[in-house]
Amino acid sequence: METLKLLVTVFQDEEGWYVAECPAIPGCMSQGRTLEEVMKNIHEAAELCLEVRKEKGLPLTVQTYEIEVPAYA
């Protein structure tokens, strides 16, 4: 089976929940109480989002780019 390697962003919100997003898949987000839980959840969310996008005939992912900006301390 072919696999995709996708980047995810993770941050902790003001209530302590971890929130993950996969920028290459529009609308693909999840959350969890722990980092382990959010990573499990975003993996599942990505699989489901890709399945729905395929069923609807949409591109599986969108192009993402890496940019460089000054880091402010």
N, C-alpha and C. Protein backbone atom coordinates (compact mmCIF):
# COMPACT_ATOMS: atom_id res chain seq x y z
N MET A 1 0.85 -1.18 0.00
CA MET A 1 0.00 0.00 0.00
C MET A 1 0.89 1.25 0.00
N GLU A 2 0.55 2.20 -0.84
CA GLU A 2 1.29 3.46 -0.91
C GLU A 2 0.95 4.30 0.32
N THR A 3 1.92 5.03 0.82
CA THR A 3 1.69 5.90 1.97
C THR A 3 2.07 7.33 1.62
N LEU A 4 1.52 8.27 2.37
CA LEU A 4 1.87 9.68 2.27
C LEU A 4 2.56 10.08 3.56
N LYS A 5 3.58 10.90 3.44
CA LYS A 5 4.23 11.46 4.62
C LYS A 5 3.75 12.90 4.73
N LEU A 6 3.05 13.22 5.80
CA LEU A 6 2.43 14.53 5.95
C LEU A 6 2.91 15.21 7.24
N LEU A 7 3.10 16.52 7.16
CA LEU A 7 3.45 17.30 8.34
C LEU A 7 2.19 17.64 9.12
N VAL A 8 2.31 17.68 10.43
CA VAL A 8 1.22 18.16 11.27
C VAL A 8 1.78 19.22 12.21
N THR A 9 0.92 20.17 12.55
CA THR A 9 1.26 21.16 13.56
C THR A 9 0.51 20.81 14.83
N VAL A 10 1.13 21.04 15.97
CA VAL A 10 0.51 20.72 17.25
C VAL A 10 0.76 21.88 18.20
N PHE A 11 -0.29 22.31 18.90
CA PHE A 11 -0.13 23.30 19.96
C PHE A 11 -1.07 22.96 21.10
N GLN A 12 -0.81 23.54 22.25
CA GLN A 12 -1.65 23.32 23.41
C GLN A 12 -2.51 24.56 23.62
N ASP A 13 -3.82 24.37 23.70
CA ASP A 13 -4.71 25.52 23.85
C ASP A 13 -4.78 25.99 25.30
N GLU A 14 -5.57 27.03 25.53
CA GLU A 14 -5.64 27.65 26.86
C GLU A 14 -6.25 26.74 27.92
N GLU A 15 -6.95 25.69 27.51
CA GLU A 15 -7.53 24.75 28.47
C GLU A 15 -6.66 23.50 28.65
N GLY A 16 -5.50 23.46 27.98
CA GLY A 16 -4.59 22.35 28.14
C GLY A 16 -4.72 21.24 27.11
N TRP A 17 -5.70 21.34 26.23
CA TRP A 17 -5.86 20.34 25.18
C TRP A 17 -4.79 20.53 24.11
N TYR A 18 -4.35 19.44 23.52
CA TYR A 18 -3.46 19.50 22.38
C TYR A 18 -4.32 19.53 21.12
N VAL A 19 -3.97 20.42 20.21
CA VAL A 19 -4.70 20.57 18.96
C VAL A 19 -3.72 20.32 17.81
N ALA A 20 -4.11 19.45 16.89
CA ALA A 20 -3.26 19.11 15.75
C ALA A 20 -3.99 19.44 14.46
N GLU A 21 -3.21 19.86 13.48
CA GLU A 21 -3.75 20.16 12.16
C GLU A 21 -2.79 19.64 11.11
N CYS A 22 -3.34 19.14 10.02
CA CYS A 22 -2.53 18.69 8.90
C CYS A 22 -2.77 19.68 7.76
N PRO A 23 -1.87 20.65 7.58
CA PRO A 23 -2.11 21.72 6.60
C PRO A 23 -2.28 21.24 5.15
N ALA A 24 -1.74 20.10 4.81
CA ALA A 24 -1.84 19.60 3.43
C ALA A 24 -3.23 19.04 3.11
N ILE A 25 -4.04 18.81 4.15
CA ILE A 25 -5.39 18.29 3.95
C ILE A 25 -6.37 19.32 4.51
N PRO A 26 -7.01 20.12 3.66
CA PRO A 26 -7.90 21.17 4.14
C PRO A 26 -8.94 20.64 5.13
N GLY A 27 -9.04 21.32 6.27
CA GLY A 27 -10.03 20.97 7.30
C GLY A 27 -9.65 19.82 8.19
N CYS A 28 -8.47 19.27 8.05
CA CYS A 28 -8.06 18.11 8.84
C CYS A 28 -7.45 18.57 10.17
N MET A 29 -8.24 18.43 11.22
CA MET A 29 -7.82 18.83 12.57
C MET A 29 -8.31 17.79 13.57
N SER A 30 -7.65 17.75 14.72
CA SER A 30 -8.10 16.89 15.81
C SER A 30 -7.55 17.44 17.12
N GLN A 31 -7.94 16.82 18.21
CA GLN A 31 -7.46 17.24 19.52
C GLN A 31 -7.33 16.04 20.43
N GLY A 32 -6.66 16.25 21.55
CA GLY A 32 -6.50 15.19 22.54
C GLY A 32 -5.98 15.76 23.84
N ARG A 33 -6.17 15.04 24.91
CA ARG A 33 -5.71 15.48 26.24
C ARG A 33 -4.20 15.38 26.38
N THR A 34 -3.58 14.42 25.65
CA THR A 34 -2.13 14.23 25.72
C THR A 34 -1.56 14.30 24.32
N LEU A 35 -0.25 14.47 24.23
CA LEU A 35 0.41 14.48 22.93
C LEU A 35 0.21 13.14 22.23
N GLU A 36 0.32 12.06 22.98
CA GLU A 36 0.11 10.73 22.40
C GLU A 36 -1.30 10.59 21.83
N GLU A 37 -2.29 11.07 22.57
CA GLU A 37 -3.67 10.97 22.13
C GLU A 37 -3.93 11.82 20.88
N VAL A 38 -3.40 13.05 20.85
CA VAL A 38 -3.64 13.90 19.70
C VAL A 38 -2.97 13.34 18.45
N MET A 39 -1.80 12.73 18.61
CA MET A 39 -1.13 12.15 17.44
C MET A 39 -1.92 10.96 16.90
N LYS A 40 -2.47 10.15 17.78
CA LYS A 40 -3.33 9.04 17.35
C LYS A 40 -4.57 9.58 16.64
N ASN A 41 -5.16 10.62 17.22
CA ASN A 41 -6.39 11.18 16.65
C ASN A 41 -6.16 11.86 15.30
N ILE A 42 -5.04 12.59 15.14
CA ILE A 42 -4.81 13.27 13.86
C ILE A 42 -4.48 12.24 12.78
N HIS A 43 -3.87 11.15 13.15
CA HIS A 43 -3.60 10.08 12.18
C HIS A 43 -4.92 9.53 11.65
N GLU A 44 -5.85 9.26 12.56
CA GLU A 44 -7.17 8.75 12.18
C GLU A 44 -7.93 9.79 11.36
N ALA A 45 -7.86 11.05 11.78
CA ALA A 45 -8.55 12.12 11.05
C ALA A 45 -8.01 12.25 9.63
N ALA A 46 -6.70 12.17 9.48
CA ALA A 46 -6.09 12.28 8.15
C ALA A 46 -6.58 11.15 7.24
N GLU A 47 -6.61 9.94 7.76
CA GLU A 47 -7.10 8.81 6.96
C GLU A 47 -8.54 9.03 6.51
N LEU A 48 -9.38 9.48 7.44
CA LEU A 48 -10.79 9.71 7.11
C LEU A 48 -10.96 10.86 6.12
N CYS A 49 -10.22 11.95 6.32
CA CYS A 49 -10.30 13.09 5.40
C CYS A 49 -9.87 12.69 3.99
N LEU A 50 -8.80 11.91 3.89
CA LEU A 50 -8.34 11.46 2.57
C LEU A 50 -9.38 10.57 1.90
N GLU A 51 -10.02 9.73 2.69
CA GLU A 51 -11.06 8.85 2.15
C GLU A 51 -12.22 9.67 1.58
N VAL A 52 -12.66 10.68 2.33
CA VAL A 52 -13.77 11.52 1.87
C VAL A 52 -13.37 12.32 0.64
N ARG A 53 -12.16 12.88 0.64
CA ARG A 53 -11.70 13.66 -0.51
C ARG A 53 -11.65 12.79 -1.76
N LYS A 54 -11.21 11.55 -1.61
CA LYS A 54 -11.15 10.63 -2.75
C LYS A 54 -12.56 10.34 -3.26
N GLU A 55 -13.49 10.05 -2.34
CA GLU A 55 -14.88 9.76 -2.73
C GLU A 55 -15.52 10.92 -3.47
N LYS A 56 -15.17 12.15 -3.10
CA LYS A 56 -15.75 13.34 -3.72
C LYS A 56 -14.99 13.78 -4.97
N GLY A 57 -13.92 13.08 -5.31
CA GLY A 57 -13.14 13.42 -6.49
C GLY A 57 -12.27 14.65 -6.31
N LEU A 58 -11.98 15.01 -5.07
CA LEU A 58 -11.13 16.16 -4.79
C LEU A 58 -9.67 15.73 -4.76
N PRO A 59 -8.75 16.66 -5.00
CA PRO A 59 -7.34 16.31 -4.83
C PRO A 59 -7.13 15.86 -3.38
N LEU A 60 -6.32 14.84 -3.17
CA LEU A 60 -6.11 14.34 -1.81
C LEU A 60 -5.47 15.38 -0.91
N THR A 61 -4.50 16.09 -1.44
CA THR A 61 -3.81 17.10 -0.64
C THR A 61 -3.66 18.38 -1.45
N VAL A 62 -3.30 19.44 -0.75
CA VAL A 62 -2.96 20.70 -1.41
C VAL A 62 -1.47 20.93 -1.22
N GLN A 63 -0.90 21.73 -2.08
CA GLN A 63 0.53 22.01 -2.00
C GLN A 63 0.84 22.83 -0.74
N THR A 64 1.86 22.45 -0.03
CA THR A 64 2.33 23.24 1.10
C THR A 64 3.75 23.68 0.81
N TYR A 65 4.12 24.80 1.37
CA TYR A 65 5.45 25.36 1.14
C TYR A 65 6.09 25.70 2.47
N GLU A 66 7.40 25.73 2.46
CA GLU A 66 8.15 26.13 3.64
C GLU A 66 8.75 27.49 3.35
N ILE A 67 8.57 28.43 4.28
CA ILE A 67 9.15 29.76 4.12
C ILE A 67 10.08 30.05 5.28
N GLU A 68 10.92 31.03 5.11
CA GLU A 68 11.85 31.41 6.16
C GLU A 68 11.59 32.87 6.52
N VAL A 69 11.39 33.13 7.79
CA VAL A 69 11.19 34.50 8.29
C VAL A 69 12.10 34.71 9.48
N PRO A 70 12.39 35.95 9.84
CA PRO A 70 13.24 36.20 11.02
C PRO A 70 12.58 35.65 12.29
N ALA A 71 13.38 35.10 13.16
CA ALA A 71 12.88 34.61 14.45
C ALA A 71 13.03 35.74 15.46
N TYR A 72 11.96 36.07 16.11
CA TYR A 72 11.99 37.13 17.11
C TYR A 72 12.05 36.50 18.49
N ALA A 73 12.98 36.95 19.29
CA ALA A 73 13.15 36.37 20.63
C ALA A 73 12.32 37.12 21.64
